[in-house]
C-alpha atoms as a PDB file:
ATOM      1  CA  MET A   1       8.844  19.817  20.312  1.00  0.00           C
ATOM      2  CA  THR A   2       9.678  16.388  22.016  1.00  0.00           C
ATOM      3  CA  THR A   3      12.320  14.663  20.366  1.00  0.00           C
ATOM      4  CA  ILE A   4      11.533  11.017  19.769  1.00  0.00           C
ATOM      5  CA  SER A   5      14.350   8.398  18.765  1.00  0.00           C
ATOM      6  CA  ALA A   6      14.011   6.946  15.340  1.00  0.00           C
ATOM      7  CA  ALA A   7      14.601   3.305  14.711  1.00  0.00           C
ATOM      8  CA  PRO A   8      18.113   2.493  14.195  1.00  0.00           C
ATOM      9  CA  GLU A   9      19.052   3.085  10.589  1.00  0.00           C
ATOM     10  CA  ASN A  10      20.754   1.231   7.897  1.00  0.00           C
ATOM     11  CA  LEU A  11      24.375   2.715   8.048  1.00  0.00           C
ATOM     12  CA  SER A  12      24.786   2.273   4.303  1.00  0.00           C
ATOM     13  CA  ARG A  13      21.682   3.984   3.591  1.00  0.00           C
ATOM     14  CA  PRO A  14      21.586   6.881   6.069  1.00  0.00           C
ATOM     15  CA  LEU A  15      18.199   8.539   6.323  1.00  0.00           C
ATOM     16  CA  PRO A  16      17.835  11.987   5.697  1.00  0.00           C
ATOM     17  CA  TRP A  17      17.655  12.963   9.324  1.00  0.00           C
ATOM     18  CA  LEU A  18      20.257  12.302  12.250  1.00  0.00           C
ATOM     19  CA  PRO A  19      19.553   9.729  15.138  1.00  0.00           C
ATOM     20  CA  GLY A  20      17.419  11.133  17.797  1.00  0.00           C
ATOM     21  CA  GLU A  21      15.865  13.969  15.697  1.00  0.00           C
ATOM     22  CA  THR A  22      12.240  14.415  14.948  1.00  0.00           C
ATOM     23  CA  PRO A  23      12.242  15.888  11.361  1.00  0.00           C
ATOM     24  CA  LEU A  24       9.873  18.132   9.978  1.00  0.00           C
ATOM     25  CA  MET A  25       9.334  17.220   6.288  1.00  0.00           C
ATOM     26  CA  LEU A  26       7.735  19.623   3.333  1.00  0.00           C
ATOM     27  CA  ALA A  27       5.245  17.280   1.422  1.00  0.00           C
ATOM     28  CA  PRO A  28       5.547  17.192  -2.233  1.00  0.00           C
ATOM     29  CA  MET A  29       2.572  18.799  -3.911  1.00  0.00           C
ATOM     30  CA  GLN A  30       2.446  19.259  -7.606  1.00  0.00           C
ATOM     31  CA  GLY A  31       2.293  22.759  -8.850  1.00  0.00           C
ATOM     32  CA  LEU A  32       2.959  24.108  -5.445  1.00  0.00           C
ATOM     33  CA  THR A  33       6.084  22.888  -3.792  1.00  0.00           C
ATOM     34  CA  ASN A  34       8.361  24.042  -7.068  1.00  0.00           C
ATOM     35  CA  ARG A  35      11.936  25.066  -6.525  1.00  0.00           C
ATOM     36  CA  ALA A  36      11.014  28.547  -5.936  1.00  0.00           C
ATOM     37  CA  LEU A  37       8.617  27.813  -2.984  1.00  0.00           C
ATOM     38  CA  ARG A  38      11.128  25.322  -1.745  1.00  0.00           C
ATOM     39  CA  SER A  39      13.930  27.599  -1.851  1.00  0.00           C
ATOM     40  CA  LEU A  40      11.912  30.459   0.040  1.00  0.00           C
ATOM     41  CA  PHE A  41      10.864  28.038   2.485  1.00  0.00           C
ATOM     42  CA  ILE A  42      14.483  26.681   3.365  1.00  0.00           C
ATOM     43  CA  GLU A  43      15.613  30.427   3.542  1.00  0.00           C
ATOM     44  CA  TRP A  44      12.516  31.204   5.922  1.00  0.00           C
ATOM     45  CA  VAL A  45      11.884  28.270   8.209  1.00  0.00           C
ATOM     46  CA  ARG A  46      14.408  25.487   6.917  1.00  0.00           C
ATOM     47  CA  PRO A  47      12.432  22.343   6.746  1.00  0.00           C
ATOM     48  CA  ASP A  48      14.501  19.428   7.942  1.00  0.00           C
ATOM     49  CA  VAL A  49      13.717  17.476   4.642  1.00  0.00           C
ATOM     50  CA  VAL A  50      11.939  18.759   1.436  1.00  0.00           C
ATOM     51  CA  PHE A  51      10.571  16.769  -1.325  1.00  0.00           C
ATOM     52  CA  THR A  52      10.691  17.362  -5.231  1.00  0.00           C
ATOM     53  CA  GLU A  53       7.105  18.138  -6.671  1.00  0.00           C
ATOM     54  CA  ILE A  54       5.932  14.765  -7.924  1.00  0.00           C
ATOM     55  CA  MET A  55       7.869  13.378 -10.781  1.00  0.00           C
ATOM     56  CA  ARG A  56       5.839  11.722 -13.400  1.00  0.00           C
ATOM     57  CA  VAL A  57       7.446   8.414 -14.655  1.00  0.00           C
ATOM     58  CA  ARG A  58       6.945   7.887 -18.335  1.00  0.00           C
ATOM     59  CA  PRO A  59       5.909   4.436 -19.787  1.00  0.00           C
ATOM     60  CA  MET A  60       8.854   2.102 -21.021  1.00  0.00           C
ATOM     61  CA  VAL A  61       7.926   2.862 -24.852  1.00  0.00           C
ATOM     62  CA  ALA A  62       9.273   6.559 -24.153  1.00  0.00           C
ATOM     63  CA  LYS A  63      12.934   7.319 -24.860  1.00  0.00           C
ATOM     64  CA  GLN A  64      13.319   8.259 -21.243  1.00  0.00           C
ATOM     65  CA  GLN A  65      11.481   7.700 -18.041  1.00  0.00           C
ATOM     66  CA  LEU A  66      11.963  10.978 -16.295  1.00  0.00           C
ATOM     67  CA  SER A  67      11.873  14.398 -18.190  1.00  0.00           C
ATOM     68  CA  ALA A  68      15.086  16.651 -18.632  1.00  0.00           C
ATOM     69  CA  VAL A  69      13.138  19.246 -16.446  1.00  0.00           C
ATOM     70  CA  ASP A  70      12.760  16.781 -13.671  1.00  0.00           C
ATOM     71  CA  LEU A  71      16.104  15.345 -13.978  1.00  0.00           C
ATOM     72  CA  ALA A  72      17.283  18.923 -13.826  1.00  0.00           C
ATOM     73  CA  GLU A  73      15.774  19.182 -10.164  1.00  0.00           C
ATOM     74  CA  VAL A  74      17.473  16.222  -8.746  1.00  0.00           C
ATOM     75  CA  GLY A  75      20.373  16.137  -6.292  1.00  0.00           C
ATOM     76  CA  ALA A  76      21.159  15.195  -2.738  1.00  0.00           C
ATOM     77  CA  LEU A  77      20.855  18.593  -1.270  1.00  0.00           C
ATOM     78  CA  GLU A  78      18.833  22.115  -1.935  1.00  0.00           C
ATOM     79  CA  GLY A  79      20.232  24.807  -0.008  1.00  0.00           C
ATOM     80  CA  GLY A  80      22.205  22.411   2.230  1.00  0.00           C
ATOM     81  CA  VAL A  81      18.751  20.594   3.033  1.00  0.00           C
ATOM     82  CA  PRO A  82      18.481  16.932   2.369  1.00  0.00           C
ATOM     83  CA  LEU A  83      16.126  16.504  -0.950  1.00  0.00           C
ATOM     84  CA  VAL A  84      13.862  13.515  -1.580  1.00  0.00           C
ATOM     85  CA  VAL A  85      13.088  12.793  -5.341  1.00  0.00           C
ATOM     86  CA  GLN A  86       9.466  11.434  -5.333  1.00  0.00           C
ATOM     87  CA  LEU A  87       8.360   9.418  -8.427  1.00  0.00           C
ATOM     88  CA  ILE A  88       5.047   8.128  -9.522  1.00  0.00           C
ATOM     89  CA  GLY A  89       4.048   6.112 -12.341  1.00  0.00           C
ATOM     90  CA  PRO A  90       2.782   2.464 -13.556  1.00  0.00           C
ATOM     91  CA  GLY A  91       4.765  -0.346 -14.370  1.00  0.00           C
ATOM     92  CA  ARG A  92       7.815  -2.155 -12.804  1.00  0.00           C
ATOM     93  CA  GLU A  93      10.117  -1.599 -15.485  1.00  0.00           C
ATOM     94  CA  ALA A  94       9.234   2.130 -15.997  1.00  0.00           C
ATOM     95  CA  LEU A  95       9.791   2.713 -12.123  1.00  0.00           C
ATOM     96  CA  VAL A  96      13.252   1.077 -12.009  1.00  0.00           C
ATOM     97  CA  SER A  97      14.476   2.893 -14.955  1.00  0.00           C
ATOM     98  CA  ALA A  98      13.297   6.066 -13.301  1.00  0.00           C
ATOM     99  CA  ALA A  99      14.816   5.623 -10.218  1.00  0.00           C
ATOM    100  CA  GLU A 100      18.264   4.276 -11.711  1.00  0.00           C
ATOM    101  CA  ALA A 101      18.092   7.465 -13.983  1.00  0.00           C
ATOM    102  CA  ALA A 102      17.340   9.592 -10.745  1.00  0.00           C
ATOM    103  CA  GLN A 103      20.353   7.937  -9.017  1.00  0.00           C
ATOM    104  CA  ALA A 104      22.677   8.771 -12.002  1.00  0.00           C
ATOM    105  CA  ALA A 105      21.534  12.282 -11.894  1.00  0.00           C
ATOM    106  CA  GLY A 106      22.580  12.461  -8.197  1.00  0.00           C
ATOM    107  CA  ALA A 107      19.590  11.167  -6.041  1.00  0.00           C
ATOM    108  CA  VAL A 108      20.311   9.928  -2.772  1.00  0.00           C
ATOM    109  CA  GLN A 109      16.910   9.845  -1.320  1.00  0.00           C
ATOM    110  CA  ILE A 110      14.084   8.345  -3.804  1.00  0.00           C
ATOM    111  CA  ASN A 111      10.412   7.965  -2.794  1.00  0.00           C
ATOM    112  CA  LEU A 112       7.677   6.064  -4.244  1.00  0.00           C
ATOM    113  CA  ASN A 113       4.245   7.962  -4.152  1.00  0.00           C
ATOM    114  CA  MET A 114       1.468   5.380  -3.317  1.00  0.00           C
ATOM    115  CA  GLY A 115      -0.858   7.811  -2.163  1.00  0.00           C
ATOM    116  CA  CYS A 116      -1.843  10.361  -4.781  1.00  0.00           C
ATOM    117  CA  PRO A 117      -5.756  10.367  -4.962  1.00  0.00           C
ATOM    118  CA  PHE A 118      -6.372  12.319  -8.028  1.00  0.00           C
ATOM    119  CA  GLY A 119      -7.557  11.369 -11.763  1.00  0.00           C
ATOM    120  CA  ARG A 120      -5.348   8.973 -13.371  1.00  0.00           C
ATOM    121  CA  MET A 121      -3.279   8.303 -10.583  1.00  0.00           C
ATOM    122  CA  THR A 122      -6.408   6.057  -9.213  1.00  0.00           C
ATOM    123  CA  SER A 123      -7.324   4.696 -12.742  1.00  0.00           C
ATOM    124  CA  SER A 124      -4.224   3.053 -13.368  1.00  0.00           C
ATOM    125  CA  LEU A 125      -1.486   1.240 -11.090  1.00  0.00           C
ATOM    126  CA  SER A 126       0.268   4.468 -10.052  1.00  0.00           C
ATOM    127  CA  GLY A 127      -0.106   6.739  -7.072  1.00  0.00           C
ATOM    128  CA  GLY A 128      -2.991   5.595  -5.001  1.00  0.00           C
ATOM    129  CA  GLY A 129      -4.164   3.353  -7.709  1.00  0.00           C
ATOM    130  CA  MET A 130      -1.154   0.912  -6.767  1.00  0.00           C
ATOM    131  CA  LEU A 131      -3.456   0.080  -3.745  1.00  0.00           C
ATOM    132  CA  LYS A 132      -5.837  -1.083  -5.937  1.00  0.00           C
ATOM    133  CA  ARG A 133      -3.912  -4.477  -6.797  1.00  0.00           C
ATOM    134  CA  PRO A 134      -1.609  -5.002  -3.858  1.00  0.00           C
ATOM    135  CA  GLU A 135      -0.616  -8.365  -5.340  1.00  0.00           C
ATOM    136  CA  GLU A 136       1.537  -6.498  -8.175  1.00  0.00           C
ATOM    137  CA  LEU A 137       3.246  -4.501  -5.349  1.00  0.00           C
ATOM    138  CA  LYS A 138       5.113  -7.678  -4.404  1.00  0.00           C
ATOM    139  CA  GLU A 139       6.874  -7.750  -7.694  1.00  0.00           C
ATOM    140  CA  ILE A 140       7.318  -3.608  -7.914  1.00  0.00           C
ATOM    141  CA  ILE A 141       8.772  -3.010  -4.481  1.00  0.00           C
ATOM    142  CA  PRO A 142      11.422  -5.694  -4.235  1.00  0.00           C
ATOM    143  CA  ALA A 143      12.258  -4.674  -7.941  1.00  0.00           C
ATOM    144  CA  LEU A 144      12.644  -1.049  -6.800  1.00  0.00           C
ATOM    145  CA  ARG A 145      14.783  -2.010  -3.654  1.00  0.00           C
ATOM    146  CA  SER A 146      17.034  -3.930  -5.701  1.00  0.00           C
ATOM    147  CA  ALA A 147      17.552  -1.142  -7.894  1.00  0.00           C
ATOM    148  CA  ILE A 148      17.971   1.648  -5.342  1.00  0.00           C
ATOM    149  CA  SER A 149      21.324   1.697  -3.477  1.00  0.00           C
ATOM    150  CA  CYS A 150      20.285   4.835  -2.035  1.00  0.00           C
ATOM    151  CA  THR A 151      17.607   5.688   0.352  1.00  0.00           C
ATOM    152  CA  PHE A 152      14.332   4.168  -0.675  1.00  0.00           C
ATOM    153  CA  SER A 153      11.099   5.202   1.167  1.00  0.00           C
ATOM    154  CA  ILE A 154       7.194   5.137   0.385  1.00  0.00           C
ATOM    155  CA  LYS A 155       4.499   7.702   0.792  1.00  0.00           C
ATOM    156  CA  LEU A 156       0.909   6.045   1.009  1.00  0.00           C
ATOM    157  CA  ARG A 157      -2.519   6.219   2.301  1.00  0.00           C
ATOM    158  CA  ALA A 158      -3.598   3.734   4.777  1.00  0.00           C
ATOM    159  CA  GLY A 159      -5.388   1.897   1.932  1.00  0.00           C
ATOM    160  CA  PHE A 160      -7.407   2.122  -1.398  1.00  0.00           C
ATOM    161  CA  ASP A 161     -10.885   1.785   0.259  1.00  0.00           C
ATOM    162  CA  ASP A 162     -10.211  -0.054   3.470  1.00  0.00           C
ATOM    163  CA  PRO A 163      -8.058   2.094   6.067  1.00  0.00           C
ATOM    164  CA  ARG A 164      -6.434  -0.929   7.632  1.00  0.00           C
ATOM    165  CA  GLN A 165      -4.896  -2.245   4.226  1.00  0.00           C
ATOM    166  CA  ILE A 166      -1.759  -0.705   5.229  1.00  0.00           C
ATOM    167  CA  PHE A 167      -1.407  -3.443   7.876  1.00  0.00           C
ATOM    168  CA  SER A 168      -1.190  -6.244   5.363  1.00  0.00           C
ATOM    169  CA  LEU A 169       1.660  -4.357   3.613  1.00  0.00           C
ATOM    170  CA  LEU A 170       4.005  -4.164   6.288  1.00  0.00           C
ATOM    171  CA  PRO A 171       5.563  -7.451   6.038  1.00  0.00           C
ATOM    172  CA  LEU A 172       6.326  -6.721   2.431  1.00  0.00           C
ATOM    173  CA  PHE A 173       7.983  -3.474   3.144  1.00  0.00           C
ATOM    174  CA  GLU A 174       9.963  -4.546   6.136  1.00  0.00           C
ATOM    175  CA  GLU A 175      11.211  -7.677   3.924  1.00  0.00           C
ATOM    176  CA  CYS A 176      12.371  -5.504   1.152  1.00  0.00           C
ATOM    177  CA  GLU A 177      13.978  -2.877   3.595  1.00  0.00           C
ATOM    178  CA  VAL A 178      11.936   0.037   2.894  1.00  0.00           C
ATOM    179  CA  ASP A 179      13.966   2.658   5.030  1.00  0.00           C
ATOM    180  CA  PHE A 180      10.959   4.819   6.159  1.00  0.00           C
ATOM    181  CA  LEU A 181       7.438   5.260   5.450  1.00  0.00           C
ATOM    182  CA  VAL A 182       5.074   8.421   5.036  1.00  0.00           C
ATOM    183  CA  LEU A 183       1.745   7.637   6.014  1.00  0.00           C
ATOM    184  CA  HIS A 184      -1.384   9.717   5.288  1.00  0.00           C
ATOM    185  CA  PRO A 185      -4.102   7.914   7.196  1.00  0.00           C
ATOM    186  CA  ARG A 186      -7.286   8.206   4.973  1.00  0.00           C
ATOM    187  CA  THR A 187      -7.937   6.075   1.993  1.00  0.00           C
ATOM    188  CA  VAL A 188      -7.405   7.049  -1.457  1.00  0.00           C
ATOM    189  CA  VAL A 189     -11.135   7.057  -2.084  1.00  0.00           C
ATOM    190  CA  GLN A 190     -11.553   9.441   0.934  1.00  0.00           C
ATOM    191  CA  ALA A 191      -9.358  11.798  -0.904  1.00  0.00           C
ATOM    192  CA  TYR A 192      -9.165  14.803   1.358  1.00  0.00           C
ATOM    193  CA  SER A 193     -12.921  14.560   2.814  1.00  0.00           C
ATOM    194  CA  GLY A 194     -13.411  13.155   6.459  1.00  0.00           C
ATOM    195  CA  HIS A 195     -10.261  13.547   8.620  1.00  0.00           C
ATOM    196  CA  ALA A 196      -7.102  11.790   8.872  1.00  0.00           C
ATOM    197  CA  ASP A 197      -7.238   9.055  11.377  1.00  0.00           C
ATOM    198  CA  HIS A 198      -3.888   9.145  13.287  1.00  0.00           C
ATOM    199  CA  ALA A 199      -5.092   6.573  15.579  1.00  0.00           C
ATOM    200  CA  ILE A 200      -4.052   4.273  12.455  1.00  0.00           C
ATOM    201  CA  THR A 201      -0.705   5.934  12.458  1.00  0.00           C
ATOM    202  CA  ALA A 202      -0.039   5.423  15.845  1.00  0.00           C
ATOM    203  CA  GLU A 203      -1.158   1.618  15.442  1.00  0.00           C
ATOM    204  CA  VAL A 204       1.368   1.348  12.329  1.00  0.00           C
ATOM    205  CA  VAL A 205       4.033   2.667  14.471  1.00  0.00           C
ATOM    206  CA  LYS A 206       3.780   0.010  17.236  1.00  0.00           C
ATOM    207  CA  SER A 207       3.659  -2.612  14.285  1.00  0.00           C
ATOM    208  CA  THR A 208       6.758  -2.030  12.284  1.00  0.00           C
ATOM    209  CA  SER A 209      10.342  -1.124  13.125  1.00  0.00           C
ATOM    210  CA  ILE A 210      10.228   0.888   9.926  1.00  0.00           C
ATOM    211  CA  PRO A 211      10.319   4.701  10.858  1.00  0.00           C
ATOM    212  CA  VAL A 212       7.000   6.228  10.165  1.00  0.00           C
ATOM    213  CA  ILE A 213       6.739  10.101   9.415  1.00  0.00           C
ATOM    214  CA  ALA A 214       2.812  11.347  10.163  1.00  0.00           C
ATOM    215  CA  ASN A 215       0.962  13.016   7.516  1.00  0.00           C
ATOM    216  CA  GLY A 216      -2.476  14.734   7.256  1.00  0.00           C
ATOM    217  CA  ASP A 217      -4.416  17.307   8.750  1.00  0.00           C
ATOM    218  CA  ILE A 218      -1.443  19.129  10.617  1.00  0.00           C
ATOM    219  CA  CYS A 219      -2.395  22.769  10.519  1.00  0.00           C
ATOM    220  CA  THR A 220      -1.499  24.162  13.668  1.00  0.00           C
ATOM    221  CA  GLY A 221       1.494  24.056  16.230  1.00  0.00           C
ATOM    222  CA  THR A 222      -1.222  22.178  18.637  1.00  0.00           C
ATOM    223  CA  ASP A 223      -1.849  19.786  15.631  1.00  0.00           C
ATOM    224  CA  ALA A 224       1.801  18.842  15.340  1.00  0.00           C
ATOM    225  CA  ALA A 225       2.372  18.212  19.126  1.00  0.00           C
ATOM    226  CA  ARG A 226      -0.834  16.452  19.406  1.00  0.00           C
ATOM    227  CA  VAL A 227      -0.250  13.867  16.457  1.00  0.00           C
ATOM    228  CA  LEU A 228       3.623  13.358  17.601  1.00  0.00           C
ATOM    229  CA  GLU A 229       2.533  12.595  21.347  1.00  0.00           C
ATOM    230  CA  GLU A 230      -0.539  10.431  20.143  1.00  0.00           C
ATOM    231  CA  THR A 231       1.703   8.504  17.283  1.00  0.00           C
ATOM    232  CA  GLN A 232       4.967   8.412  18.746  1.00  0.00           C
ATOM    233  CA  ALA A 233       5.776   8.861  15.080  1.00  0.00           C
ATOM    234  CA  ALA A 234       9.409   9.567  13.915  1.00  0.00           C
ATOM    235  CA  GLY A 235       8.487  12.951  12.469  1.00  0.00           C
ATOM    236  CA  LEU A 236       5.915  14.890  10.427  1.00  0.00           C
ATOM    237  CA  MET A 237       5.259  15.791   7.048  1.00  0.00           C
ATOM    238  CA  LEU A 238       3.305  19.238   6.660  1.00  0.00           C
ATOM    239  CA  GLY A 239       1.560  19.983   3.361  1.00  0.00           C
ATOM    240  CA  ARG A 240      -1.292  22.241   2.997  1.00  0.00           C
ATOM    241  CA  GLY A 241      -0.995  23.594   6.441  1.00  0.00           C
ATOM    242  CA  ALA A 242       2.222  24.648   5.769  1.00  0.00           C
ATOM    243  CA  ILE A 243       1.781  26.179   2.518  1.00  0.00           C
ATOM    244  CA  ALA A 244      -0.824  28.234   4.179  1.00  0.00           C
ATOM    245  CA  ASP A 245       1.221  29.126   6.838  1.00  0.00           C
ATOM    246  CA  PRO A 246       4.954  28.550   6.378  1.00  0.00           C
ATOM    247  CA  VAL A 247       5.764  29.479   9.894  1.00  0.00           C
ATOM    248  CA  LEU A 248       3.771  26.300  10.955  1.00  0.00           C
ATOM    249  CA  PHE A 249       7.395  24.629  10.771  1.00  0.00           C
ATOM    250  CA  GLU A 250       8.342  27.077  13.777  1.00  0.00           C
ATOM    251  CA  ARG A 251       5.416  26.728  15.593  1.00  0.00           C
ATOM    252  CA  ALA A 252       5.725  23.032  15.306  1.00  0.00           C
ATOM    253  CA  ARG A 253       9.111  23.476  16.923  1.00  0.00           C
ATOM    254  CA  GLY A 254       7.670  25.792  19.572  1.00  0.00           C
ATOM    255  CA  ARG A 255       9.695  28.769  18.478  1.00  0.00           C
ATOM    256  CA  ALA A 256       6.762  30.666  17.375  1.00  0.00           C
ATOM    257  CA  GLY A 257       3.056  31.070  18.985  1.00  0.00           C
ATOM    258  CA  SER A 258       0.446  28.224  18.024  1.00  0.00           C
ATOM    259  CA  ALA A 259      -2.319  30.825  17.959  1.00  0.00           C
ATOM    260  CA  PRO A 260      -1.157  33.899  16.101  1.00  0.00           C
ATOM    261  CA  ASP A 261      -3.364  37.311  16.292  1.00  0.00           C
ATOM    262  CA  ARG A 262      -4.509  39.176  13.226  1.00  0.00           C
ATOM    263  CA  ALA A 263      -1.365  41.416  13.317  1.00  0.00           C
ATOM    264  CA  GLU A 264       1.001  38.455  13.187  1.00  0.00           C
ATOM    265  CA  LYS A 265      -1.119  36.962  10.479  1.00  0.00           C
ATOM    266  CA  VAL A 266      -0.947  40.035   8.441  1.00  0.00           C
ATOM    267  CA  ARG A 267       2.899  40.177   8.786  1.00  0.00           C
ATOM    268  CA  VAL A 268       3.429  36.596   7.786  1.00  0.00           C
ATOM    269  CA  LEU A 269       1.036  36.754   4.652  1.00  0.00           C
ATOM    270  CA  ARG A 270       2.937  40.137   3.633  1.00  0.00           C
ATOM    271  CA  HIS A 271       6.393  38.453   4.099  1.00  0.00           C
ATOM    272  CA  TYR A 272       5.375  35.484   2.258  1.00  0.00           C
ATOM    273  CA  LEU A 273       3.910  36.976  -1.040  1.00  0.00           C
ATOM    274  CA  PHE A 274       6.422  39.900  -0.887  1.00  0.00           C
ATOM    275  CA  SER A 275       9.222  37.259  -0.826  1.00  0.00           C
ATOM    276  CA  LEU A 276       7.590  34.626  -3.237  1.00  0.00           C
ATOM    277  CA  LEU A 277       6.776  37.201  -5.803  1.00  0.00           C
ATOM    278  CA  PRO A 278      10.078  37.943  -7.123  1.00  0.00           C
ATOM    279  CA  LEU A 279      11.181  34.093  -7.271  1.00  0.00           C
ATOM    280  CA  TYR A 280       7.963  33.349  -9.370  1.00  0.00           C
ATOM    281  CA  SER A 281       8.660  36.144 -11.721  1.00  0.00           C
ATOM    282  CA  GLU A 282      11.870  34.687 -12.365  1.00  0.00           C
ATOM    283  CA  MET A 283      11.017  31.205 -12.781  1.00  0.00           C
ATOM    284  CA  PHE A 284       7.563  31.493 -14.676  1.00  0.00           C
ATOM    285  CA  CYS A 285       6.970  33.713 -17.861  1.00  0.00           C
ATOM    286  CA  GLY A 286       3.973  36.001 -18.342  1.00  0.00           C
ATOM    287  CA  ASP A 287       1.916  37.715 -15.927  1.00  0.00           C
ATOM    288  CA  MET A 288      -0.965  35.525 -15.714  1.00  0.00           C
ATOM    289  CA  GLN A 289       1.165  32.418 -15.250  1.00  0.00           C
ATOM    290  CA  ILE A 290       2.716  34.419 -12.494  1.00  0.00           C
ATOM    291  CA  LEU A 291      -0.611  35.419 -11.146  1.00  0.00           C
ATOM    292  CA  ASN A 292      -1.998  31.866 -11.269  1.00  0.00           C
ATOM    293  CA  LYS A 293       0.998  30.416  -9.620  1.00  0.00           C
ATOM    294  CA  MET A 294       0.257  33.176  -6.464  1.00  0.00           C
ATOM    295  CA  LYS A 295      -3.164  32.066  -6.758  1.00  0.00           C
ATOM    296  CA  ALA A 296      -2.529  28.427  -6.236  1.00  0.00           C
ATOM    297  CA  VAL A 297      -0.721  29.199  -3.174  1.00  0.00           C
ATOM    298  CA  LEU A 298      -3.630  31.308  -1.858  1.00  0.00           C
ATOM    299  CA  SER A 299      -6.109  28.490  -2.559  1.00  0.00           C
ATOM    300  CA  THR A 300      -4.805  26.674   0.350  1.00  0.00           C
ATOM    301  CA  MET A 301      -5.415  29.800   2.773  1.00  0.00           C
ATOM    302  CA  THR A 302      -9.106  29.884   4.359  1.00  0.00           C
ATOM    303  CA  ASP A 303      -8.424  32.038   7.360  1.00  0.00           C
ATOM    304  CA  LEU A 304     -11.650  33.898   8.594  1.00  0.00           C
ATOM    305  CA  ALA A 305      -9.421  36.555  10.209  1.00  0.00           C
ATOM    306  CA  LEU A 306      -8.077  37.736   6.738  1.00  0.00           C
ATOM    307  CA  GLU A 307     -11.135  36.680   4.615  1.00  0.00           C
ATOM    308  CA  LYS A 308     -11.403  40.308   3.060  1.00  0.00           C
ATOM    309  CA  GLU A 309      -7.863  40.364   2.248  1.00  0.00           C
ATOM    310  CA  LEU A 310      -7.620  37.164   0.770  1.00  0.00           C
ATOM    311  CA  LYS A 311     -10.746  37.257  -1.355  1.00  0.00           C
ATOM    312  CA  HIS A 312      -9.279  40.576  -3.033  1.00  0.00           C
ATOM    313  CA  LEU A 313      -6.016  38.605  -3.775  1.00  0.00           C
ATOM    314  CA  LYS A 314      -7.866  35.610  -5.256  1.00  0.00           C
ATOM    315  CA  ARG A 315     -10.025  37.822  -7.176  1.00  0.00           C
ATOM    316  CA  ALA A 316      -7.494  39.944  -8.877  1.00  0.00           C
ATOM    317  CA  LYS A 317      -7.935  39.682 -12.793  1.00  0.00           C
ATOM    318  CA  THR A 318      -4.359  41.109 -13.043  1.00  0.00           C
ATOM    319  CA  LEU A 319      -0.615  40.911 -11.717  1.00  0.00           C
ATOM    320  CA  HIS A 320      -0.901  44.849 -11.296  1.00  0.00           C
ATOM    321  CA  ALA A 321      -4.071  44.379  -9.189  1.00  0.00           C
ATOM    322  CA  PHE A 322      -2.697  41.762  -7.207  1.00  0.00           C
ATOM    323  CA  ARG A 323       0.329  43.907  -6.184  1.00  0.00           C
ATOM    324  CA  ALA A 324      -1.992  46.649  -5.533  1.00  0.00           C
ATOM    325  CA  HIS A 325      -3.991  44.429  -2.923  1.00  0.00           C
ATOM    326  CA  MET A 326      -0.381  43.072  -1.608  1.00  0.00           C
ATOM    327  CA  GLU A 327       0.554  46.679  -1.038  1.00  0.00           C
ATOM    328  CA  ALA A 328      -2.644  47.393   0.861  1.00  0.00           C
ATOM    329  CA  LEU A 329      -2.227  44.337   3.395  1.00  0.00           C
ATOM    330  CA  GLN A 330      -2.556  45.575   7.009  1.00  0.00           C
END
């Protein structure tokens, strides 16, 4: 992979990657990138940075803004890899309180989600919905920057319904010394339709001194090389493409083939499922919950070369049947 130098970092707030590195980050995906899956990825393909699942911030009327379960996930590192805590929620006071609680629990990297396009996240000022009322960001972002003494980053869409909205926000992010951005160049209203327009990513990279991590529609090693070359981004965030094929991290690094044949795909799938199932069996309770979590991972896979095998696994009614289909993979 081409190495691209990142912008100079604030020495008091070190970025979660070293100068001169091109980090490959595992995206935060609710219901998917739990600690079991993150631990497998770290052992197997070692992302340069991992994120917690999205931590929902409770309103100020609640006793505490982050749940005890979420706070237990907080830390500086996970398996020796930098861990970023991602927050999502409405309201300046609640977000500030949550950020302070995360730091007290050991976070050294905090990220604000301004991109989630689903459900209640777009009906209130949280997630992608924050881009509905950009005037309120002029209070929220400075307040968070003042409260966050560690690294503060933002993951966002290019805009709510205007893909060029990002350019009107860059001055605010620069003034508030946001440490890095993760940009998915779709709008919130697009959700995952259409395509990620990385021409916008390239333009943003040229328009700001803030390091920009490119995210969206990176599913092959070829995609990774192309997006880096076209955008000159500081790094990449891999989401659904990596959940479907964890070896995407190695393909992006040039250490595994970009176009695996069927035999390799079967080998990777067997290793993936046989490694993940015992981890999920330890983390979750009951066969159906474990089965549903395994199927959630499979829902990201649409490979025609494995269409029959994936169909059997996705349609399994019991964990016993699922295991039998795993054993039959060849």
